Amino acid sequence: MSLVTTKEMFKKSIDEKFAIGAFNINNMEFVQAIMDAAAEEKSPVILQTSSSAIKYARIPYLKKMVEAGLEEHDIPVVLHLDHGPDFETCKLCVDSGYTSVMFDGSKYDFETNVKLTKEVVDYAHAHGVVVEAELGKLAGIEDDVNVAANDAMYTDPNQAKEFVDRTGCDSLAIAIGTSHGAYKFKGEARLRFDILEKVKALMPDVPIVLHGASTVIPEYVETCNKYGASLAGAKGVPDEMLHEASLRGVSKINVDTDLRLAMTAGIRETFVNSPEVFDPRKYLGLGRENIKETVKHKMRDVFGSSNKA
């Protein structure tokens, strides 16, 4: 099966009230684990690369690994640019065969964000590629994204509709209380479902995206800390809230931190319990299995995308 865009899978997600996981990839083990999980769960899936991942692994390697997965598995797969920082990065990914790109203009004022997003939309649409945009600012740190908590800003629903109408973007990431990284909440986790409800009322057919939506799985945090990490206070979005978001009209939920924790837990556990191991296949292998089980859990128990391929 060839790479697809998000158009059909997002339409189905809106009609049938489930979300599609967008999982960040950095190397072969991530690609294998995510695609194996999606195939076993019979779920559509979005594999996404940040600009940092592109710098690390390089586009030809990332794309060929995804294409190798498509030779093994007959499932709908999107290759997506996550948090494209500028037109040039988005253009590079469009020209390289990505089927979806995100331009993140949330750091700009509204009019500048509209203008720059529209430029990306015009180029991508001319090449058959869909575009995700962002309105509102999520706090937290992840790769090249760094927003202080006091600079975070919820999305205004009326402004969101104007933004989509003027830019023609295909999906919109909104800010309702999630944040990037492993330290999302200091107190009680809370999402502004009232904002999501207003956005969906104004734009029922526009796919909505949640960034910074890792659960920060406690078991993996505990394992990492048990074997030498220092992740005190790491806290994410509970599964129950993410499931509720999928039922309320969120079509795409981004997951990165949970995959990093799953891989790191496997590596640290192997190093401590088997100090004689120096074969990367052995310590990366456990990390890969952790990622696979994490992704399967998300698809089956949280997002509701199992058996939707």
C-alpha atoms as a PDB file:
ATOM      1  CA  MET A   1       0.000   0.000   0.000  1.00  0.00           C
ATOM      2  CA  SER A   2       1.232   3.515  -0.800  1.00  0.00           C
ATOM      3  CA  LEU A   3       1.371   6.435   1.581  1.00  0.00           C
ATOM      4  CA  VAL A   4      -1.946   8.295   1.869  1.00  0.00           C
ATOM      5  CA  THR A   5      -3.047  11.744   3.027  1.00  0.00           C
ATOM      6  CA  THR A   6      -5.188  12.310   6.111  1.00  0.00           C
ATOM      7  CA  LYS A   7      -8.323  13.281   4.186  1.00  0.00           C
ATOM      8  CA  GLU A   8     -10.170   9.961   4.238  1.00  0.00           C
ATOM      9  CA  MET A   9      -8.983   8.822   7.660  1.00  0.00           C
ATOM     10  CA  PHE A  10      -9.957  12.147   9.250  1.00  0.00           C
ATOM     11  CA  LYS A  11     -13.395  12.044   7.617  1.00  0.00           C
ATOM     12  CA  LYS A  12     -13.913   8.566   9.041  1.00  0.00           C
ATOM     13  CA  SER A  13     -12.665   9.662  12.464  1.00  0.00           C
ATOM     14  CA  ILE A  14     -15.201  12.502  12.567  1.00  0.00           C
ATOM     15  CA  ASP A  15     -18.067  10.311  11.375  1.00  0.00           C
ATOM     16  CA  GLU A  16     -17.290   7.427  13.748  1.00  0.00           C
ATOM     17  CA  LYS A  17     -15.920   9.422  16.720  1.00  0.00           C
ATOM     18  CA  PHE A  18     -12.416   8.118  17.175  1.00  0.00           C
ATOM     19  CA  ALA A  19      -8.942   9.650  17.004  1.00  0.00           C
ATOM     20  CA  ILE A  20      -5.868   8.653  15.025  1.00  0.00           C
ATOM     21  CA  GLY A  21      -2.518   8.462  16.750  1.00  0.00           C
ATOM     22  CA  ALA A  22       0.334  10.503  15.305  1.00  0.00           C
ATOM     23  CA  PHE A  23       3.584   8.998  16.556  1.00  0.00           C
ATOM     24  CA  ASN A  24       6.997  10.609  16.207  1.00  0.00           C
ATOM     25  CA  ILE A  25       9.749   8.537  14.619  1.00  0.00           C
ATOM     26  CA  ASN A  26      13.505   8.918  14.973  1.00  0.00           C
ATOM     27  CA  ASN A  27      15.058   5.610  13.928  1.00  0.00           C
ATOM     28  CA  MET A  28      14.297   2.124  12.612  1.00  0.00           C
ATOM     29  CA  GLU A  29      13.100   0.693  15.918  1.00  0.00           C
ATOM     30  CA  PHE A  30      10.454   3.405  16.270  1.00  0.00           C
ATOM     31  CA  VAL A  31       9.176   2.828  12.722  1.00  0.00           C
ATOM     32  CA  GLN A  32       9.033  -0.946  13.141  1.00  0.00           C
ATOM     33  CA  ALA A  33       7.303  -0.827  16.517  1.00  0.00           C
ATOM     34  CA  ILE A  34       4.641   1.677  15.437  1.00  0.00           C
ATOM     35  CA  MET A  35       3.842   0.010  12.119  1.00  0.00           C
ATOM     36  CA  ASP A  36       3.793  -3.495  13.638  1.00  0.00           C
ATOM     37  CA  ALA A  37       1.387  -2.223  16.310  1.00  0.00           C
ATOM     38  CA  ALA A  38      -0.867  -0.541  13.740  1.00  0.00           C
ATOM     39  CA  ALA A  39      -0.956  -3.695  11.626  1.00  0.00           C
ATOM     40  CA  GLU A  40      -1.866  -5.892  14.599  1.00  0.00           C
ATOM     41  CA  GLU A  41      -4.563  -3.454  15.706  1.00  0.00           C
ATOM     42  CA  LYS A  42      -5.770  -2.900  12.121  1.00  0.00           C
ATOM     43  CA  SER A  43      -5.533   0.835  12.712  1.00  0.00           C
ATOM     44  CA  PRO A  44      -4.729   3.790  10.463  1.00  0.00           C
ATOM     45  CA  VAL A  45      -1.605   5.564  11.651  1.00  0.00           C
ATOM     46  CA  ILE A  46       0.345   8.791  11.180  1.00  0.00           C
ATOM     47  CA  LEU A  47       4.137   8.645  11.369  1.00  0.00           C
ATOM     48  CA  GLN A  48       5.575  12.074  11.936  1.00  0.00           C
ATOM     49  CA  THR A  49       9.024  13.607  11.983  1.00  0.00           C
ATOM     50  CA  SER A  50      10.057  16.825  13.664  1.00  0.00           C
ATOM     51  CA  SER A  51      12.671  19.066  12.073  1.00  0.00           C
ATOM     52  CA  SER A  52      15.078  17.757  14.738  1.00  0.00           C
ATOM     53  CA  ALA A  53      14.389  14.172  13.678  1.00  0.00           C
ATOM     54  CA  ILE A  54      15.078  15.179  10.081  1.00  0.00           C
ATOM     55  CA  LYS A  55      18.413  16.676  11.106  1.00  0.00           C
ATOM     56  CA  TYR A  56      19.274  13.532  13.059  1.00  0.00           C
ATOM     57  CA  ALA A  57      18.118  10.749  10.722  1.00  0.00           C
ATOM     58  CA  ARG A  58      17.746  12.604   7.379  1.00  0.00           C
ATOM     59  CA  ILE A  59      14.700  12.427   5.113  1.00  0.00           C
ATOM     60  CA  PRO A  60      15.832   9.675   2.690  1.00  0.00           C
ATOM     61  CA  TYR A  61      16.409   7.249   5.569  1.00  0.00           C
ATOM     62  CA  LEU A  62      13.160   8.128   7.326  1.00  0.00           C
ATOM     63  CA  LYS A  63      11.097   7.830   4.156  1.00  0.00           C
ATOM     64  CA  LYS A  64      12.681   4.556   3.026  1.00  0.00           C
ATOM     65  CA  MET A  65      12.118   2.980   6.437  1.00  0.00           C
ATOM     66  CA  VAL A  66       8.441   3.896   6.294  1.00  0.00           C
ATOM     67  CA  GLU A  67       8.215   2.549   2.748  1.00  0.00           C
ATOM     68  CA  ALA A  68       9.813  -0.706   3.945  1.00  0.00           C
ATOM     69  CA  GLY A  69       7.056  -0.968   6.536  1.00  0.00           C
ATOM     70  CA  LEU A  70       4.471  -0.542   3.790  1.00  0.00           C
ATOM     71  CA  GLU A  71       5.949  -3.555   2.005  1.00  0.00           C
ATOM     72  CA  GLU A  72       5.112  -5.633   5.082  1.00  0.00           C
ATOM     73  CA  HIS A  73       1.815  -4.099   6.166  1.00  0.00           C
ATOM     74  CA  ASP A  74      -1.350  -3.205   4.233  1.00  0.00           C
ATOM     75  CA  ILE A  75      -2.629  -0.339   6.411  1.00  0.00           C
ATOM     76  CA  PRO A  76      -3.302   3.379   5.783  1.00  0.00           C
ATOM     77  CA  VAL A  77      -0.110   5.285   6.669  1.00  0.00           C
ATOM     78  CA  VAL A  78       0.549   9.036   6.521  1.00  0.00           C
ATOM     79  CA  LEU A  79       4.071  10.498   6.553  1.00  0.00           C
ATOM     80  CA  HIS A  80       3.763  13.876   8.260  1.00  0.00           C
ATOM     81  CA  LEU A  81       6.025  16.790   9.138  1.00  0.00           C
ATOM     82  CA  ASP A  82       5.488  17.780  12.779  1.00  0.00           C
ATOM     83  CA  HIS A  83       5.998  21.441  13.752  1.00  0.00           C
ATOM     84  CA  GLY A  84       7.410  22.688  10.472  1.00  0.00           C
ATOM     85  CA  PRO A  85       9.149  25.920  11.509  1.00  0.00           C
ATOM     86  CA  ASP A  86       9.157  27.669   8.119  1.00  0.00           C
ATOM     87  CA  PHE A  87       8.083  27.484   4.469  1.00  0.00           C
ATOM     88  CA  GLU A  88      11.414  26.006   3.385  1.00  0.00           C
ATOM     89  CA  THR A  89      11.147  22.977   5.700  1.00  0.00           C
ATOM     90  CA  CYS A  90       7.548  22.359   4.627  1.00  0.00           C
ATOM     91  CA  LYS A  91       8.526  22.647   0.952  1.00  0.00           C
ATOM     92  CA  LEU A  92      11.419  20.225   1.448  1.00  0.00           C
ATOM     93  CA  CYS A  93       9.071  17.623   2.916  1.00  0.00           C
ATOM     94  CA  VAL A  94       6.431  18.134   0.228  1.00  0.00           C
ATOM     95  CA  ASP A  95       9.090  17.760  -2.469  1.00  0.00           C
ATOM     96  CA  SER A  96      10.483  14.663  -0.718  1.00  0.00           C
ATOM     97  CA  GLY A  97       7.205  12.748  -0.794  1.00  0.00           C
ATOM     98  CA  TYR A  98       5.590  13.484   2.559  1.00  0.00           C
ATOM     99  CA  THR A  99       1.805  13.296   2.284  1.00  0.00           C
ATOM    100  CA  SER A 100       1.079  15.794   5.073  1.00  0.00           C
ATOM    101  CA  VAL A 101       2.925  18.749   6.592  1.00  0.00           C
ATOM    102  CA  MET A 102       2.340  20.953   9.588  1.00  0.00           C
ATOM    103  CA  PHE A 103       3.323  24.594   9.559  1.00  0.00           C
ATOM    104  CA  ASP A 104       3.584  25.923  13.102  1.00  0.00           C
ATOM    105  CA  GLY A 105       3.012  29.661  13.023  1.00  0.00           C
ATOM    106  CA  SER A 106       1.661  29.821  16.569  1.00  0.00           C
ATOM    107  CA  LYS A 107       4.603  31.951  17.728  1.00  0.00           C
ATOM    108  CA  TYR A 108       3.516  34.763  15.384  1.00  0.00           C
ATOM    109  CA  ASP A 109       0.657  37.232  15.716  1.00  0.00           C
ATOM    110  CA  PHE A 110      -2.632  36.207  14.133  1.00  0.00           C
ATOM    111  CA  GLU A 111      -2.224  38.037  10.810  1.00  0.00           C
ATOM    112  CA  THR A 112       1.328  36.819  10.283  1.00  0.00           C
ATOM    113  CA  ASN A 113       0.286  33.260  11.128  1.00  0.00           C
ATOM    114  CA  VAL A 114      -2.530  33.507   8.561  1.00  0.00           C
ATOM    115  CA  LYS A 115      -0.195  34.857   5.878  1.00  0.00           C
ATOM    116  CA  LEU A 116       2.584  32.297   6.386  1.00  0.00           C
ATOM    117  CA  THR A 117       0.196  29.364   6.750  1.00  0.00           C
ATOM    118  CA  LYS A 118      -1.578  30.339   3.528  1.00  0.00           C
ATOM    119  CA  GLU A 119       1.738  30.289   1.663  1.00  0.00           C
ATOM    120  CA  VAL A 120       2.388  26.721   2.829  1.00  0.00           C
ATOM    121  CA  VAL A 121      -1.195  25.664   2.042  1.00  0.00           C
ATOM    122  CA  ASP A 122      -1.005  27.017  -1.499  1.00  0.00           C
ATOM    123  CA  TYR A 123       2.240  25.181  -2.240  1.00  0.00           C
ATOM    124  CA  ALA A 124       1.254  21.916  -0.556  1.00  0.00           C
ATOM    125  CA  HIS A 125      -2.201  21.743  -2.122  1.00  0.00           C
ATOM    126  CA  ALA A 126      -0.695  22.315  -5.563  1.00  0.00           C
ATOM    127  CA  HIS A 127       1.297  19.119  -4.953  1.00  0.00           C
ATOM    128  CA  GLY A 128      -1.537  17.033  -3.475  1.00  0.00           C
ATOM    129  CA  VAL A 129      -0.321  17.357   0.123  1.00  0.00           C
ATOM    130  CA  VAL A 130      -2.519  18.283   3.099  1.00  0.00           C
ATOM    131  CA  VAL A 131      -1.629  20.898   5.717  1.00  0.00           C
ATOM    132  CA  GLU A 132      -2.059  21.065   9.485  1.00  0.00           C
ATOM    133  CA  ALA A 133      -1.764  24.467  11.152  1.00  0.00           C
ATOM    134  CA  GLU A 134      -1.773  25.667  14.749  1.00  0.00           C
ATOM    135  CA  LEU A 135      -3.571  28.456  16.598  1.00  0.00           C
ATOM    136  CA  GLY A 136      -2.877  29.052  20.266  1.00  0.00           C
ATOM    137  CA  LYS A 137       0.364  28.338  22.140  1.00  0.00           C
ATOM    138  CA  LEU A 138       1.162  25.153  24.061  1.00  0.00           C
ATOM    139  CA  ALA A 139       3.586  25.414  26.942  1.00  0.00           C
ATOM    140  CA  GLY A 140       6.526  23.047  27.323  1.00  0.00           C
ATOM    141  CA  ILE A 141       9.733  21.943  25.640  1.00  0.00           C
ATOM    142  CA  GLU A 142      10.081  19.330  22.910  1.00  0.00           C
ATOM    143  CA  ASP A 143      12.764  19.310  20.200  1.00  0.00           C
ATOM    144  CA  ASP A 144      12.754  22.813  18.663  1.00  0.00           C
ATOM    145  CA  VAL A 145       9.523  23.897  20.416  1.00  0.00           C
ATOM    146  CA  ASN A 146      10.073  25.875  23.632  1.00  0.00           C
ATOM    147  CA  VAL A 147       7.240  27.929  25.131  1.00  0.00           C
ATOM    148  CA  ALA A 148       7.263  29.221  28.714  1.00  0.00           C
ATOM    149  CA  ALA A 149       4.143  28.531  30.794  1.00  0.00           C
ATOM    150  CA  ASN A 150       3.314  32.223  31.122  1.00  0.00           C
ATOM    151  CA  ASP A 151       3.402  32.582  27.319  1.00  0.00           C
ATOM    152  CA  ALA A 152       0.918  29.751  26.714  1.00  0.00           C
ATOM    153  CA  MET A 153      -2.403  30.810  25.212  1.00  0.00           C
ATOM    154  CA  TYR A 154      -5.725  29.012  24.751  1.00  0.00           C
ATOM    155  CA  THR A 155      -7.260  28.959  21.280  1.00  0.00           C
ATOM    156  CA  ASP A 156     -10.137  31.369  20.670  1.00  0.00           C
ATOM    157  CA  PRO A 157     -12.934  29.424  18.878  1.00  0.00           C
ATOM    158  CA  ASN A 158     -14.149  32.364  16.766  1.00  0.00           C
ATOM    159  CA  GLN A 159     -10.612  33.191  15.749  1.00  0.00           C
ATOM    160  CA  ALA A 160     -10.061  29.520  14.892  1.00  0.00           C
ATOM    161  CA  LYS A 161     -12.924  29.556  12.380  1.00  0.00           C
ATOM    162  CA  GLU A 162     -11.638  32.751  10.757  1.00  0.00           C
ATOM    163  CA  PHE A 163      -8.155  31.231  10.595  1.00  0.00           C
ATOM    164  CA  VAL A 164      -9.324  28.069   8.830  1.00  0.00           C
ATOM    165  CA  ASP A 165     -11.559  30.031   6.443  1.00  0.00           C
ATOM    166  CA  ARG A 166      -8.728  32.369   5.450  1.00  0.00           C
ATOM    167  CA  THR A 167      -5.874  29.848   5.213  1.00  0.00           C
ATOM    168  CA  GLY A 168      -7.661  26.817   3.798  1.00  0.00           C
ATOM    169  CA  CYS A 169      -5.693  24.503   6.096  1.00  0.00           C
ATOM    170  CA  ASP A 170      -6.948  20.918   6.255  1.00  0.00           C
ATOM    171  CA  SER A 171      -6.709  20.417  10.022  1.00  0.00           C
ATOM    172  CA  LEU A 172      -6.080  22.642  13.027  1.00  0.00           C
ATOM    173  CA  ALA A 173      -4.100  22.071  16.215  1.00  0.00           C
ATOM    174  CA  ILE A 174      -5.698  23.912  19.111  1.00  0.00           C
ATOM    175  CA  ALA A 175      -4.535  24.740  22.639  1.00  0.00           C
ATOM    176  CA  ILE A 176      -6.897  23.491  25.355  1.00  0.00           C
ATOM    177  CA  GLY A 177      -4.436  22.718  28.151  1.00  0.00           C
ATOM    178  CA  THR A 178      -1.996  20.088  26.879  1.00  0.00           C
ATOM    179  CA  SER A 179       1.721  20.887  26.788  1.00  0.00           C
ATOM    180  CA  HIS A 180       4.894  19.499  25.278  1.00  0.00           C
ATOM    181  CA  GLY A 181       7.398  17.335  27.115  1.00  0.00           C
ATOM    182  CA  ALA A 182       7.210  15.126  30.218  1.00  0.00           C
ATOM    183  CA  TYR A 183       6.137  17.814  32.711  1.00  0.00           C
ATOM    184  CA  LYS A 184       2.658  18.852  31.576  1.00  0.00           C
ATOM    185  CA  PHE A 185       0.895  19.463  34.888  1.00  0.00           C
ATOM    186  CA  LYS A 186       2.062  20.447  38.364  1.00  0.00           C
ATOM    187  CA  GLY A 187      -1.349  19.926  39.948  1.00  0.00           C
ATOM    188  CA  GLU A 188      -4.544  18.304  38.753  1.00  0.00           C
ATOM    189  CA  ALA A 189      -4.617  17.579  35.012  1.00  0.00           C
ATOM    190  CA  ARG A 190      -7.312  19.603  33.273  1.00  0.00           C
ATOM    191  CA  LEU A 191      -8.324  20.109  29.644  1.00  0.00           C
ATOM    192  CA  ARG A 192     -10.647  22.862  28.412  1.00  0.00           C
ATOM    193  CA  PHE A 193     -13.287  20.690  26.788  1.00  0.00           C
ATOM    194  CA  ASP A 194     -15.548  23.757  26.703  1.00  0.00           C
ATOM    195  CA  ILE A 195     -13.183  25.330  24.155  1.00  0.00           C
ATOM    196  CA  LEU A 196     -13.107  22.122  22.106  1.00  0.00           C
ATOM    197  CA  GLU A 197     -16.908  22.006  22.149  1.00  0.00           C
ATOM    198  CA  LYS A 198     -17.171  25.575  20.842  1.00  0.00           C
ATOM    199  CA  VAL A 199     -14.588  24.933  18.121  1.00  0.00           C
ATOM    200  CA  LYS A 200     -16.429  21.820  16.938  1.00  0.00           C
ATOM    201  CA  ALA A 201     -19.764  23.648  16.979  1.00  0.00           C
ATOM    202  CA  LEU A 202     -18.339  26.307  14.665  1.00  0.00           C
ATOM    203  CA  MET A 203     -16.388  23.858  12.489  1.00  0.00           C
ATOM    204  CA  PRO A 204     -17.948  20.374  12.766  1.00  0.00           C
ATOM    205  CA  ASP A 205     -16.197  19.037   9.668  1.00  0.00           C
ATOM    206  CA  VAL A 206     -12.708  20.411  10.359  1.00  0.00           C
ATOM    207  CA  PRO A 207     -10.326  17.818  11.859  1.00  0.00           C
ATOM    208  CA  ILE A 208      -8.983  19.007  15.221  1.00  0.00           C
ATOM    209  CA  VAL A 209      -5.535  18.063  16.533  1.00  0.00           C
ATOM    210  CA  LEU A 210      -4.127  17.784  20.063  1.00  0.00           C
ATOM    211  CA  HIS A 211      -0.387  18.313  20.479  1.00  0.00           C
ATOM    212  CA  GLY A 212       1.513  17.541  23.668  1.00  0.00           C
ATOM    213  CA  ALA A 213      -0.834  14.660  24.438  1.00  0.00           C
ATOM    214  CA  SER A 214       1.431  11.968  25.867  1.00  0.00           C
ATOM    215  CA  THR A 215       0.177  10.283  29.024  1.00  0.00           C
ATOM    216  CA  VAL A 216       3.726  10.217  30.447  1.00  0.00           C
ATOM    217  CA  ILE A 217       3.044   6.598  31.384  1.00  0.00           C
ATOM    218  CA  PRO A 218       3.764   6.217  35.131  1.00  0.00           C
ATOM    219  CA  GLU A 219       5.099   2.662  34.797  1.00  0.00           C
ATOM    220  CA  TYR A 220       7.802   3.770  32.370  1.00  0.00           C
ATOM    221  CA  VAL A 221       8.673   6.822  34.455  1.00  0.00           C
ATOM    222  CA  GLU A 222       9.025   4.495  37.453  1.00  0.00           C
ATOM    223  CA  THR A 223      11.207   2.058  35.498  1.00  0.00           C
ATOM    224  CA  CYS A 224      13.429   4.841  34.195  1.00  0.00           C
ATOM    225  CA  ASN A 225      13.885   6.239  37.703  1.00  0.00           C
ATOM    226  CA  LYS A 226      14.457   2.775  39.191  1.00  0.00           C
ATOM    227  CA  TYR A 227      17.361   2.261  36.839  1.00  0.00           C
ATOM    228  CA  GLY A 228      19.080   5.600  37.275  1.00  0.00           C
ATOM    229  CA  ALA A 229      17.019   8.328  35.582  1.00  0.00           C
ATOM    230  CA  SER A 230      15.905  11.552  37.262  1.00  0.00           C
ATOM    231  CA  LEU A 231      12.318  12.264  36.196  1.00  0.00           C
ATOM    232  CA  ALA A 232      10.740  13.442  39.426  1.00  0.00           C
ATOM    233  CA  GLY A 233       7.391  15.146  38.878  1.00  0.00           C
ATOM    234  CA  ALA A 234       6.897  13.971  35.286  1.00  0.00           C
ATOM    235  CA  LYS A 235       3.154  14.031  34.630  1.00  0.00           C
ATOM    236  CA  GLY A 236       1.035  13.849  31.467  1.00  0.00           C
ATOM    237  CA  VAL A 237      -2.541  13.761  30.192  1.00  0.00           C
ATOM    238  CA  PRO A 238      -4.535  10.836  31.659  1.00  0.00           C
ATOM    239  CA  ASP A 239      -5.837   8.215  29.233  1.00  0.00           C
ATOM    240  CA  GLU A 240      -9.410   8.976  30.287  1.00  0.00           C
ATOM    241  CA  MET A 241      -9.099  12.609  29.155  1.00  0.00           C
ATOM    242  CA  LEU A 242      -7.592  11.630  25.815  1.00  0.00           C
ATOM    243  CA  HIS A 243     -10.357   9.099  25.252  1.00  0.00           C
ATOM    244  CA  GLU A 244     -12.925  11.778  26.052  1.00  0.00           C
ATOM    245  CA  ALA A 245     -11.220  14.101  23.547  1.00  0.00           C
ATOM    246  CA  SER A 246     -11.509  11.427  20.851  1.00  0.00           C
ATOM    247  CA  LEU A 247     -15.229  11.073  21.526  1.00  0.00           C
ATOM    248  CA  ARG A 248     -15.708  14.867  21.457  1.00  0.00           C
ATOM    249  CA  GLY A 249     -14.289  15.305  17.964  1.00  0.00           C
ATOM    250  CA  VAL A 250     -10.488  15.341  18.125  1.00  0.00           C
ATOM    251  CA  SER A 251      -9.227  13.532  15.016  1.00  0.00           C
ATOM    252  CA  LYS A 252      -5.454  13.439  15.621  1.00  0.00           C
ATOM    253  CA  ILE A 253      -3.590  12.997  18.885  1.00  0.00           C
ATOM    254  CA  ASN A 254       0.190  13.448  18.959  1.00  0.00           C
ATOM    255  CA  VAL A 255       2.415  11.115  20.960  1.00  0.00           C
ATOM    256  CA  ASP A 256       6.172  11.551  21.338  1.00  0.00           C
ATOM    257  CA  THR A 257       7.239  11.636  24.996  1.00  0.00           C
ATOM    258  CA  ASP A 258       5.596   8.288  25.782  1.00  0.00           C
ATOM    259  CA  LEU A 259       7.622   6.604  23.048  1.00  0.00           C
ATOM    260  CA  ARG A 260      10.855   8.143  24.332  1.00  0.00           C
ATOM    261  CA  LEU A 261      10.069   6.934  27.847  1.00  0.00           C
ATOM    262  CA  ALA A 262       9.225   3.439  26.587  1.00  0.00           C
ATOM    263  CA  MET A 263      12.522   3.169  24.700  1.00  0.00           C
ATOM    264  CA  THR A 264      14.569   4.654  27.541  1.00  0.00           C
ATOM    265  CA  ALA A 265      12.979   2.335  30.116  1.00  0.00           C
ATOM    266  CA  GLY A 266      13.941  -0.691  28.018  1.00  0.00           C
ATOM    267  CA  ILE A 267      17.512   0.468  27.530  1.00  0.00           C
ATOM    268  CA  ARG A 268      18.079   1.398  31.185  1.00  0.00           C
ATOM    269  CA  GLU A 269      16.570  -1.848  32.447  1.00  0.00           C
ATOM    270  CA  THR A 270      18.784  -3.900  30.140  1.00  0.00           C
ATOM    271  CA  PHE A 271      21.947  -2.032  31.057  1.00  0.00           C
ATOM    272  CA  VAL A 272      21.378  -2.515  34.798  1.00  0.00           C
ATOM    273  CA  ASN A 273      20.061  -6.090  34.768  1.00  0.00           C
ATOM    274  CA  SER A 274      22.461  -7.309  32.075  1.00  0.00           C
ATOM    275  CA  PRO A 275      25.646  -5.237  32.412  1.00  0.00           C
ATOM    276  CA  GLU A 276      27.491  -7.640  30.138  1.00  0.00           C
ATOM    277  CA  VAL A 277      25.282  -6.673  27.169  1.00  0.00           C
ATOM    278  CA  PHE A 278      26.902  -4.448  24.557  1.00  0.00           C
ATOM    279  CA  ASP A 279      24.905  -5.615  21.536  1.00  0.00           C
ATOM    280  CA  PRO A 280      22.593  -2.718  20.530  1.00  0.00           C
ATOM    281  CA  ARG A 281      20.051  -5.194  19.176  1.00  0.00           C
ATOM    282  CA  LYS A 282      19.487  -6.532  22.679  1.00  0.00           C
ATOM    283  CA  TYR A 283      18.904  -3.257  24.502  1.00  0.00           C
ATOM    284  CA  LEU A 284      17.135  -1.548  21.598  1.00  0.00           C
ATOM    285  CA  GLY A 285      15.026  -4.683  21.148  1.00  0.00           C
ATOM    286  CA  LEU A 286      13.372  -4.350  24.549  1.00  0.00           C
ATOM    287  CA  GLY A 287      12.805  -0.645  23.930  1.00  0.00           C
ATOM    288  CA  ARG A 288      11.188  -1.473  20.584  1.00  0.00           C
ATOM    289  CA  GLU A 289       8.850  -3.976  22.251  1.00  0.00           C
ATOM    290  CA  ASN A 290       7.895  -1.356  24.860  1.00  0.00           C
ATOM    291  CA  ILE A 291       7.027   1.138  22.111  1.00  0.00           C
ATOM    292  CA  LYS A 292       4.937  -1.446  20.261  1.00  0.00           C
ATOM    293  CA  GLU A 293       2.891  -2.276  23.361  1.00  0.00           C
ATOM    294  CA  THR A 294       2.457   1.426  24.134  1.00  0.00           C
ATOM    295  CA  VAL A 295       1.146   2.171  20.644  1.00  0.00           C
ATOM    296  CA  LYS A 296      -1.215  -0.812  20.693  1.00  0.00           C
ATOM    297  CA  HIS A 297      -2.633   0.364  24.022  1.00  0.00           C
ATOM    298  CA  LYS A 298      -3.185   3.878  22.665  1.00  0.00           C
ATOM    299  CA  MET A 299      -4.964   2.632  19.547  1.00  0.00           C
ATOM    300  CA  ARG A 300      -7.105   0.027  21.284  1.00  0.00           C
ATOM    301  CA  ASP A 301      -7.941   1.533  24.672  1.00  0.00           C
ATOM    302  CA  VAL A 302      -7.538   5.308  24.293  1.00  0.00           C
ATOM    303  CA  PHE A 303      -8.039   6.545  20.738  1.00  0.00           C
ATOM    304  CA  GLY A 304     -10.520   3.909  19.570  1.00  0.00           C
ATOM    305  CA  SER A 305      -8.801   3.443  16.181  1.00  0.00           C
ATOM    306  CA  SER A 306      -8.429  -0.344  16.297  1.00  0.00           C
ATOM    307  CA  ASN A 307     -10.206  -2.125  13.441  1.00  0.00           C
ATOM    308  CA  LYS A 308     -10.729   1.204  11.613  1.00  0.00           C
ATOM    309  CA  ALA A 309      -8.134   0.651   8.862  1.00  0.00           C
END
